[in-house]
Amino acid sequence: MTAAIPGPPCPEITVEGGIIFVGNEPFSVPALYDENNKRYFLSVSDEVKSDMASNAGKRVVVTGRVYQDDWSGKRALFIRVTSYQWIENDQ
């Protein structure tokens, strides 16, 4: 019997972009689009999801660990958010 060797930890990244929600309630997920129109789905607590829903459309800086998972049958990038900060005076 062989033991599985865990892979290296997912890298932590910081990304700035706009927040939108993708999918239909109650299964919608916050997503961040960066300046290159790259989309990251965000893994967050229900409390953070609620805050993001209240501020959808605003710009935010998100830090977390990036990983790949399935979204609607396709591979997609996700960020497991460890911190975020709204960008003040966003026009």
PDB file of N, CA and C in Angstrom:
ATOM      1  N   MET A   1       0.846  -1.178   0.000  1.00  0.00           N
ATOM      2  CA  MET A   1       0.000   0.000   0.000  1.00  0.00           C
ATOM      3  C   MET A   1       0.887   1.236   0.000  1.00  0.00           C
ATOM      4  N   THR A   2       0.582   2.174  -0.868  1.00  0.00           N
ATOM      5  CA  THR A   2       1.356   3.408  -0.926  1.00  0.00           C
ATOM      6  C   THR A   2       0.515   4.561  -0.420  1.00  0.00           C
ATOM      7  N   ALA A   3       1.181   5.491   0.212  1.00  0.00           N
ATOM      8  CA  ALA A   3       0.493   6.686   0.717  1.00  0.00           C
ATOM      9  C   ALA A   3       0.562   7.785  -0.331  1.00  0.00           C
ATOM     10  N   ALA A   4      -0.502   8.514  -0.453  1.00  0.00           N
ATOM     11  CA  ALA A   4      -0.514   9.644  -1.386  1.00  0.00           C
ATOM     12  C   ALA A   4       0.319  10.770  -0.799  1.00  0.00           C
ATOM     13  N   ILE A   5       1.154  11.339  -1.626  1.00  0.00           N
ATOM     14  CA  ILE A   5       1.975  12.471  -1.198  1.00  0.00           C
ATOM     15  C   ILE A   5       1.250  13.743  -1.589  1.00  0.00           C
ATOM     16  N   PRO A   6       0.958  14.591  -0.608  1.00  0.00           N
ATOM     17  CA  PRO A   6       0.237  15.831  -0.961  1.00  0.00           C
ATOM     18  C   PRO A   6       1.083  16.714  -1.853  1.00  0.00           C
ATOM     19  N   GLY A   7       0.416  17.397  -2.751  1.00  0.00           N
ATOM     20  CA  GLY A   7       1.104  18.337  -3.629  1.00  0.00           C
ATOM     21  C   GLY A   7       1.480  19.592  -2.883  1.00  0.00           C
ATOM     22  N   PRO A   8       2.218  20.464  -3.544  1.00  0.00           N
ATOM     23  CA  PRO A   8       2.588  21.715  -2.883  1.00  0.00           C
ATOM     24  C   PRO A   8       1.351  22.552  -2.608  1.00  0.00           C
ATOM     25  N   PRO A   9       1.404  23.402  -1.577  1.00  0.00           N
ATOM     26  CA  PRO A   9       0.237  24.247  -1.296  1.00  0.00           C
ATOM     27  C   PRO A   9      -0.047  25.175  -2.473  1.00  0.00           C
ATOM     28  N   CYS A  10      -1.297  25.490  -2.641  1.00  0.00           N
ATOM     29  CA  CYS A  10      -1.692  26.415  -3.708  1.00  0.00           C
ATOM     30  C   CYS A  10      -1.068  27.773  -3.438  1.00  0.00           C
ATOM     31  N   PRO A  11      -0.609  28.454  -4.479  1.00  0.00           N
ATOM     32  CA  PRO A  11       0.011  29.773  -4.259  1.00  0.00           C
ATOM     33  C   PRO A  11      -1.010  30.805  -3.807  1.00  0.00           C
ATOM     34  N   GLU A  12      -0.543  31.756  -3.007  1.00  0.00           N
ATOM     35  CA  GLU A  12      -1.400  32.871  -2.606  1.00  0.00           C
ATOM     36  C   GLU A  12      -1.179  34.011  -3.591  1.00  0.00           C
ATOM     37  N   ILE A  13      -2.273  34.624  -4.013  1.00  0.00           N
ATOM     38  CA  ILE A  13      -2.197  35.736  -4.954  1.00  0.00           C
ATOM     39  C   ILE A  13      -3.035  36.893  -4.432  1.00  0.00           C
ATOM     40  N   THR A  14      -2.756  38.072  -4.957  1.00  0.00           N
ATOM     41  CA  THR A  14      -3.565  39.261  -4.693  1.00  0.00           C
ATOM     42  C   THR A  14      -4.025  39.792  -6.038  1.00  0.00           C
ATOM     43  N   VAL A  15      -5.345  39.989  -6.166  1.00  0.00           N
ATOM     44  CA  VAL A  15      -5.933  40.413  -7.431  1.00  0.00           C
ATOM     45  C   VAL A  15      -6.885  41.567  -7.164  1.00  0.00           C
ATOM     46  N   GLU A  16      -6.878  42.553  -8.054  1.00  0.00           N
ATOM     47  CA  GLU A  16      -7.820  43.671  -7.983  1.00  0.00           C
ATOM     48  C   GLU A  16      -8.793  43.563  -9.137  1.00  0.00           C
ATOM     49  N   GLY A  17     -10.054  43.834  -8.867  1.00  0.00           N
ATOM     50  CA  GLY A  17     -11.045  43.791  -9.937  1.00  0.00           C
ATOM     51  C   GLY A  17     -12.432  44.114  -9.445  1.00  0.00           C
ATOM     52  N   GLY A  18     -13.393  43.906 -10.318  1.00  0.00           N
ATOM     53  CA  GLY A  18     -14.792  44.165 -10.010  1.00  0.00           C
ATOM     54  C   GLY A  18     -15.507  42.889  -9.603  1.00  0.00           C
ATOM     55  N   ILE A  19     -16.486  43.029  -8.720  1.00  0.00           N
ATOM     56  CA  ILE A  19     -17.259  41.892  -8.221  1.00  0.00           C
ATOM     57  C   ILE A  19     -18.598  41.793  -8.950  1.00  0.00           C
ATOM     58  N   ILE A  20     -18.898  40.595  -9.429  1.00  0.00           N
ATOM     59  CA  ILE A  20     -20.220  40.280  -9.962  1.00  0.00           C
ATOM     60  C   ILE A  20     -20.650  38.943  -9.352  1.00  0.00           C
ATOM     61  N   PHE A  21     -21.900  38.576  -9.532  1.00  0.00           N
ATOM     62  CA  PHE A  21     -22.371  37.262  -9.092  1.00  0.00           C
ATOM     63  C   PHE A  21     -22.742  36.453 -10.311  1.00  0.00           C
ATOM     64  N   VAL A  22     -22.357  35.171 -10.295  1.00  0.00           N
ATOM     65  CA  VAL A  22     -22.584  34.264 -11.411  1.00  0.00           C
ATOM     66  C   VAL A  22     -23.481  33.125 -10.918  1.00  0.00           C
ATOM     67  N   GLY A  23     -24.453  32.752 -11.710  1.00  0.00           N
ATOM     68  CA  GLY A  23     -25.349  31.663 -11.344  1.00  0.00           C
ATOM     69  C   GLY A  23     -26.655  32.191 -10.780  1.00  0.00           C
ATOM     70  N   ASN A  24     -27.529  31.279 -10.479  1.00  0.00           N
ATOM     71  CA  ASN A  24     -28.859  31.618  -9.972  1.00  0.00           C
ATOM     72  C   ASN A  24     -28.945  31.326  -8.479  1.00  0.00           C
ATOM     73  N   GLU A  25     -29.677  32.189  -7.774  1.00  0.00           N
ATOM     74  CA  GLU A  25     -29.908  31.966  -6.343  1.00  0.00           C
ATOM     75  C   GLU A  25     -30.673  30.672  -6.151  1.00  0.00           C
ATOM     76  N   PRO A  26     -30.406  29.916  -5.157  1.00  0.00           N
ATOM     77  CA  PRO A  26     -29.504  30.212  -4.034  1.00  0.00           C
ATOM     78  C   PRO A  26     -28.081  29.720  -4.274  1.00  0.00           C
ATOM     79  N   PHE A  27     -27.726  29.431  -5.525  1.00  0.00           N
ATOM     80  CA  PHE A  27     -26.419  28.854  -5.837  1.00  0.00           C
ATOM     81  C   PHE A  27     -25.467  29.844  -6.487  1.00  0.00           C
ATOM     82  N   SER A  28     -25.766  31.133  -6.437  1.00  0.00           N
ATOM     83  CA  SER A  28     -24.882  32.117  -7.068  1.00  0.00           C
ATOM     84  C   SER A  28     -23.567  32.200  -6.300  1.00  0.00           C
ATOM     85  N   VAL A  29     -22.529  32.564  -7.033  1.00  0.00           N
ATOM     86  CA  VAL A  29     -21.176  32.634  -6.485  1.00  0.00           C
ATOM     87  C   VAL A  29     -20.574  33.982  -6.859  1.00  0.00           C
ATOM     88  N   PRO A  30     -19.899  34.655  -5.910  1.00  0.00           N
ATOM     89  CA  PRO A  30     -19.211  35.890  -6.290  1.00  0.00           C
ATOM     90  C   PRO A  30     -18.015  35.574  -7.181  1.00  0.00           C
ATOM     91  N   ALA A  31     -17.794  36.436  -8.144  1.00  0.00           N
ATOM     92  CA  ALA A  31     -16.654  36.296  -9.050  1.00  0.00           C
ATOM     93  C   ALA A  31     -15.981  37.646  -9.199  1.00  0.00           C
ATOM     94  N   LEU A  32     -14.691  37.611  -9.395  1.00  0.00           N
ATOM     95  CA  LEU A  32     -13.902  38.822  -9.587  1.00  0.00           C
ATOM     96  C   LEU A  32     -13.348  38.809 -11.006  1.00  0.00           C
ATOM     97  N   TYR A  33     -13.495  39.922 -11.706  1.00  0.00           N
ATOM     98  CA  TYR A  33     -12.893  40.099 -13.028  1.00  0.00           C
ATOM     99  C   TYR A  33     -11.775  41.111 -12.899  1.00  0.00           C
ATOM    100  N   ASP A  34     -10.553  40.710 -13.310  1.00  0.00           N
ATOM    101  CA  ASP A  34      -9.427  41.638 -13.210  1.00  0.00           C
ATOM    102  C   ASP A  34      -9.346  42.535 -14.445  1.00  0.00           C
ATOM    103  N   GLU A  35      -8.309  43.361 -14.520  1.00  0.00           N
ATOM    104  CA  GLU A  35      -8.173  44.325 -15.617  1.00  0.00           C
ATOM    105  C   GLU A  35      -7.989  43.660 -16.980  1.00  0.00           C
ATOM    106  N   ASN A  36      -7.586  42.378 -16.988  1.00  0.00           N
ATOM    107  CA  ASN A  36      -7.433  41.626 -18.237  1.00  0.00           C
ATOM    108  C   ASN A  36      -8.665  40.785 -18.545  1.00  0.00           C
ATOM    109  N   ASN A  37      -9.754  41.030 -17.804  1.00  0.00           N
ATOM    110  CA  ASN A  37     -11.019  40.319 -17.959  1.00  0.00           C
ATOM    111  C   ASN A  37     -10.901  38.837 -17.615  1.00  0.00           C
ATOM    112  N   LYS A  38      -9.919  38.505 -16.762  1.00  0.00           N
ATOM    113  CA  LYS A  38      -9.763  37.144 -16.264  1.00  0.00           C
ATOM    114  C   LYS A  38     -10.702  36.968 -15.082  1.00  0.00           C
ATOM    115  N   ARG A  39     -11.440  35.862 -15.073  1.00  0.00           N
ATOM    116  CA  ARG A  39     -12.442  35.631 -14.037  1.00  0.00           C
ATOM    117  C   ARG A  39     -11.925  34.643 -12.990  1.00  0.00           C
ATOM    118  N   TYR A  40     -12.145  35.009 -11.738  1.00  0.00           N
ATOM    119  CA  TYR A  40     -11.859  34.126 -10.609  1.00  0.00           C
ATOM    120  C   TYR A  40     -13.144  33.989  -9.794  1.00  0.00           C
ATOM    121  N   PHE A  41     -13.602  32.764  -9.571  1.00  0.00           N
ATOM    122  CA  PHE A  41     -14.700  32.544  -8.640  1.00  0.00           C
ATOM    123  C   PHE A  41     -14.127  32.635  -7.234  1.00  0.00           C
ATOM    124  N   LEU A  42     -14.907  33.171  -6.302  1.00  0.00           N
ATOM    125  CA  LEU A  42     -14.409  33.398  -4.951  1.00  0.00           C
ATOM    126  C   LEU A  42     -15.063  32.447  -3.965  1.00  0.00           C
ATOM    127  N   SER A  43     -14.237  31.732  -3.215  1.00  0.00           N
ATOM    128  CA  SER A  43     -14.713  30.868  -2.128  1.00  0.00           C
ATOM    129  C   SER A  43     -14.663  31.693  -0.852  1.00  0.00           C
ATOM    130  N   VAL A  44     -15.837  31.986  -0.311  1.00  0.00           N
ATOM    131  CA  VAL A  44     -15.942  32.863   0.856  1.00  0.00           C
ATOM    132  C   VAL A  44     -17.002  32.334   1.823  1.00  0.00           C
ATOM    133  N   SER A  45     -16.984  32.850   3.032  1.00  0.00           N
ATOM    134  CA  SER A  45     -18.009  32.507   4.014  1.00  0.00           C
ATOM    135  C   SER A  45     -19.332  33.156   3.607  1.00  0.00           C
ATOM    136  N   ASP A  46     -20.416  32.709   4.231  1.00  0.00           N
ATOM    137  CA  ASP A  46     -21.725  33.308   3.951  1.00  0.00           C
ATOM    138  C   ASP A  46     -21.749  34.789   4.315  1.00  0.00           C
ATOM    139  N   GLU A  47     -21.044  35.155   5.388  1.00  0.00           N
ATOM    140  CA  GLU A  47     -20.987  36.564   5.808  1.00  0.00           C
ATOM    141  C   GLU A  47     -20.294  37.423   4.751  1.00  0.00           C
ATOM    142  N   VAL A  48     -19.178  36.943   4.231  1.00  0.00           N
ATOM    143  CA  VAL A  48     -18.445  37.687   3.197  1.00  0.00           C
ATOM    144  C   VAL A  48     -19.266  37.713   1.908  1.00  0.00           C
ATOM    145  N   LYS A  49     -19.926  36.610   1.577  1.00  0.00           N
ATOM    146  CA  LYS A  49     -20.771  36.565   0.374  1.00  0.00           C
ATOM    147  C   LYS A  49     -21.861  37.626   0.465  1.00  0.00           C
ATOM    148  N   SER A  50     -22.457  37.780   1.637  1.00  0.00           N
ATOM    149  CA  SER A  50     -23.495  38.793   1.839  1.00  0.00           C
ATOM    150  C   SER A  50     -22.934  40.200   1.653  1.00  0.00           C
ATOM    151  N   ASP A  51     -21.736  40.453   2.193  1.00  0.00           N
ATOM    152  CA  ASP A  51     -21.096  41.761   2.027  1.00  0.00           C
ATOM    153  C   ASP A  51     -20.802  42.022   0.550  1.00  0.00           C
ATOM    154  N   MET A  52     -20.329  41.011  -0.145  1.00  0.00           N
ATOM    155  CA  MET A  52     -20.028  41.173  -1.569  1.00  0.00           C
ATOM    156  C   MET A  52     -21.303  41.400  -2.377  1.00  0.00           C
ATOM    157  N   ALA A  53     -22.395  40.751  -1.986  1.00  0.00           N
ATOM    158  CA  ALA A  53     -23.670  40.964  -2.687  1.00  0.00           C
ATOM    159  C   ALA A  53     -24.137  42.402  -2.511  1.00  0.00           C
ATOM    160  N   SER A  54     -23.923  42.951  -1.322  1.00  0.00           N
ATOM    161  CA  SER A  54     -24.317  44.338  -1.050  1.00  0.00           C
ATOM    162  C   SER A  54     -23.461  45.334  -1.810  1.00  0.00           C
ATOM    163  N   ASN A  55     -22.268  44.910  -2.212  1.00  0.00           N
ATOM    164  CA  ASN A  55     -21.325  45.800  -2.886  1.00  0.00           C
ATOM    165  C   ASN A  55     -21.009  45.358  -4.312  1.00  0.00           C
ATOM    166  N   ALA A  56     -21.856  44.499  -4.888  1.00  0.00           N
ATOM    167  CA  ALA A  56     -21.618  44.017  -6.254  1.00  0.00           C
ATOM    168  C   ALA A  56     -21.460  45.210  -7.193  1.00  0.00           C
ATOM    169  N   GLY A  57     -20.510  45.103  -8.090  1.00  0.00           N
ATOM    170  CA  GLY A  57     -20.226  46.175  -9.032  1.00  0.00           C
ATOM    171  C   GLY A  57     -19.057  47.047  -8.594  1.00  0.00           C
ATOM    172  N   LYS A  58     -18.727  47.020  -7.316  1.00  0.00           N
ATOM    173  CA  LYS A  58     -17.597  47.805  -6.824  1.00  0.00           C
ATOM    174  C   LYS A  58     -16.291  47.060  -7.073  1.00  0.00           C
ATOM    175  N   ARG A  59     -15.201  47.804  -6.950  1.00  0.00           N
ATOM    176  CA  ARG A  59     -13.879  47.216  -7.106  1.00  0.00           C
ATOM    177  C   ARG A  59     -13.340  46.819  -5.741  1.00  0.00           C
ATOM    178  N   VAL A  60     -12.545  45.747  -5.746  1.00  0.00           N
ATOM    179  CA  VAL A  60     -12.040  45.174  -4.511  1.00  0.00           C
ATOM    180  C   VAL A  60     -10.648  44.600  -4.755  1.00  0.00           C
ATOM    181  N   VAL A  61      -9.852  44.536  -3.702  1.00  0.00           N
ATOM    182  CA  VAL A  61      -8.567  43.834  -3.726  1.00  0.00           C
ATOM    183  C   VAL A  61      -8.758  42.578  -2.886  1.00  0.00           C
ATOM    184  N   VAL A  62      -8.494  41.415  -3.489  1.00  0.00           N
ATOM    185  CA  VAL A  62      -8.696  40.123  -2.842  1.00  0.00           C
ATOM    186  C   VAL A  62      -7.363  39.398  -2.742  1.00  0.00           C
ATOM    187  N   THR A  63      -7.102  38.795  -1.591  1.00  0.00           N
ATOM    188  CA  THR A  63      -5.928  37.955  -1.403  1.00  0.00           C
ATOM    189  C   THR A  63      -6.405  36.576  -0.970  1.00  0.00           C
ATOM    190  N   GLY A  64      -5.790  35.542  -1.539  1.00  0.00           N
ATOM    191  CA  GLY A  64      -6.160  34.186  -1.166  1.00  0.00           C
ATOM    192  C   GLY A  64      -5.384  33.155  -1.954  1.00  0.00           C
ATOM    193  N   ARG A  65      -5.761  31.919  -1.764  1.00  0.00           N
ATOM    194  CA  ARG A  65      -5.098  30.801  -2.426  1.00  0.00           C
ATOM    195  C   ARG A  65      -5.891  30.404  -3.664  1.00  0.00           C
ATOM    196  N   VAL A  66      -5.190  30.328  -4.776  1.00  0.00           N
ATOM    197  CA  VAL A  66      -5.817  30.002  -6.050  1.00  0.00           C
ATOM    198  C   VAL A  66      -5.813  28.489  -6.253  1.00  0.00           C
ATOM    199  N   TYR A  67      -6.903  27.980  -6.830  1.00  0.00           N
ATOM    200  CA  TYR A  67      -6.995  26.568  -7.167  1.00  0.00           C
ATOM    201  C   TYR A  67      -7.960  26.418  -8.340  1.00  0.00           C
ATOM    202  N   GLN A  68      -7.954  25.242  -8.959  1.00  0.00           N
ATOM    203  CA  GLN A  68      -8.873  24.967 -10.062  1.00  0.00           C
ATOM    204  C   GLN A  68      -9.952  24.014  -9.586  1.00  0.00           C
ATOM    205  N   ASP A  69     -11.162  24.211 -10.094  1.00  0.00           N
ATOM    206  CA  ASP A  69     -12.285  23.331  -9.791  1.00  0.00           C
ATOM    207  C   ASP A  69     -13.265  23.417 -10.955  1.00  0.00           C
ATOM    208  N   ASP A  70     -14.323  22.646 -10.902  1.00  0.00           N
ATOM    209  CA  ASP A  70     -15.321  22.654 -11.971  1.00  0.00           C
ATOM    210  C   ASP A  70     -16.379  23.711 -11.721  1.00  0.00           C
ATOM    211  N   TRP A  71     -16.784  24.391 -12.792  1.00  0.00           N
ATOM    212  CA  TRP A  71     -17.922  25.301 -12.763  1.00  0.00           C
ATOM    213  C   TRP A  71     -18.718  25.032 -14.030  1.00  0.00           C
ATOM    214  N   SER A  72     -19.929  24.545 -13.883  1.00  0.00           N
ATOM    215  CA  SER A  72     -20.810  24.221 -15.020  1.00  0.00           C
ATOM    216  C   SER A  72     -20.125  23.290 -16.012  1.00  0.00           C
ATOM    217  N   GLY A  73     -19.412  22.296 -15.481  1.00  0.00           N
ATOM    218  CA  GLY A  73     -18.784  21.301 -16.345  1.00  0.00           C
ATOM    219  C   GLY A  73     -17.472  21.710 -16.970  1.00  0.00           C
ATOM    220  N   LYS A  74     -16.946  22.877 -16.619  1.00  0.00           N
ATOM    221  CA  LYS A  74     -15.667  23.346 -17.168  1.00  0.00           C
ATOM    222  C   LYS A  74     -14.715  23.672 -16.025  1.00  0.00           C
ATOM    223  N   ARG A  75     -13.418  23.551 -16.286  1.00  0.00           N
ATOM    224  CA  ARG A  75     -12.415  23.914 -15.290  1.00  0.00           C
ATOM    225  C   ARG A  75     -12.387  25.437 -15.168  1.00  0.00           C
ATOM    226  N   ALA A  76     -12.293  25.920 -13.948  1.00  0.00           N
ATOM    227  CA  ALA A  76     -12.283  27.365 -13.696  1.00  0.00           C
ATOM    228  C   ALA A  76     -11.331  27.665 -12.546  1.00  0.00           C
ATOM    229  N   LEU A  77     -10.869  28.902 -12.486  1.00  0.00           N
ATOM    230  CA  LEU A  77     -10.009  29.350 -11.392  1.00  0.00           C
ATOM    231  C   LEU A  77     -10.858  29.853 -10.233  1.00  0.00           C
ATOM    232  N   PHE A  78     -10.488  29.448  -9.045  1.00  0.00           N
ATOM    233  CA  PHE A  78     -11.130  29.879  -7.816  1.00  0.00           C
ATOM    234  C   PHE A  78     -10.073  30.479  -6.909  1.00  0.00           C
ATOM    235  N   ILE A  79     -10.496  31.399  -6.066  1.00  0.00           N
ATOM    236  CA  ILE A  79      -9.627  31.927  -5.008  1.00  0.00           C
ATOM    237  C   ILE A  79     -10.328  31.659  -3.683  1.00  0.00           C
ATOM    238  N   ARG A  80      -9.641  30.951  -2.795  1.00  0.00           N
ATOM    239  CA  ARG A  80     -10.128  30.769  -1.425  1.00  0.00           C
ATOM    240  C   ARG A  80      -9.673  32.021  -0.673  1.00  0.00           C
ATOM    241  N   VAL A  81     -10.583  32.956  -0.484  1.00  0.00           N
ATOM    242  CA  VAL A  81     -10.255  34.299   0.001  1.00  0.00           C
ATOM    243  C   VAL A  81      -9.828  34.263   1.466  1.00  0.00           C
ATOM    244  N   THR A  82      -8.657  34.872   1.734  1.00  0.00           N
ATOM    245  CA  THR A  82      -8.189  35.024   3.114  1.00  0.00           C
ATOM    246  C   THR A  82      -8.382  36.459   3.601  1.00  0.00           C
ATOM    247  N   SER A  83      -8.400  37.411   2.666  1.00  0.00           N
ATOM    248  CA  SER A  83      -8.681  38.809   3.029  1.00  0.00           C
ATOM    249  C   SER A  83      -9.140  39.560   1.784  1.00  0.00           C
ATOM    250  N   TYR A  84      -9.880  40.636   2.032  1.00  0.00           N
ATOM    251  CA  TYR A  84     -10.320  41.487   0.928  1.00  0.00           C
ATOM    252  C   TYR A  84     -10.535  42.894   1.466  1.00  0.00           C
ATOM    253  N   GLN A  85     -10.439  43.860   0.546  1.00  0.00           N
ATOM    254  CA  GLN A  85     -10.635  45.266   0.937  1.00  0.00           C
ATOM    255  C   GLN A  85     -11.275  45.999  -0.239  1.00  0.00           C
ATOM    256  N   TRP A  86     -12.362  46.698   0.063  1.00  0.00           N
ATOM    257  CA  TRP A  86     -13.036  47.482  -0.971  1.00  0.00           C
ATOM    258  C   TRP A  86     -12.182  48.695  -1.328  1.00  0.00           C
ATOM    259  N   ILE A  87     -12.180  49.059  -2.580  1.00  0.00           N
ATOM    260  CA  ILE A  87     -11.448  50.222  -3.047  1.00  0.00           C
ATOM    261  C   ILE A  87     -12.358  51.432  -2.883  1.00  0.00           C
ATOM    262  N   GLU A  88     -11.965  52.337  -2.030  1.00  0.00           N
ATOM    263  CA  GLU A  88     -12.769  53.542  -1.738  1.00  0.00           C
ATOM    264  C   GLU A  88     -12.776  54.476  -2.934  1.00  0.00           C
ATOM    265  N   ASN A  89     -13.855  55.266  -3.024  1.00  0.00           N
ATOM    266  CA  ASN A  89     -14.004  56.281  -4.068  1.00  0.00           C
ATOM    267  C   ASN A  89     -13.901  55.694  -5.471  1.00  0.00           C
ATOM    268  N   ASP A  90     -14.380  54.479  -5.630  1.00  0.00           N
ATOM    269  CA  ASP A  90     -14.382  53.848  -6.960  1.00  0.00           C
ATOM    270  C   ASP A  90     -15.421  54.553  -7.819  1.00  0.00           C
ATOM    271  N   GLN A  91     -15.038  54.982  -8.982  1.00  0.00           N
ATOM    272  CA  GLN A  91     -15.950  55.684  -9.889  1.00  0.00           C
ATOM    273  C   GLN A  91     -16.432  54.762 -10.964  1.00  0.00           C
TER     274      GLN A  91
END
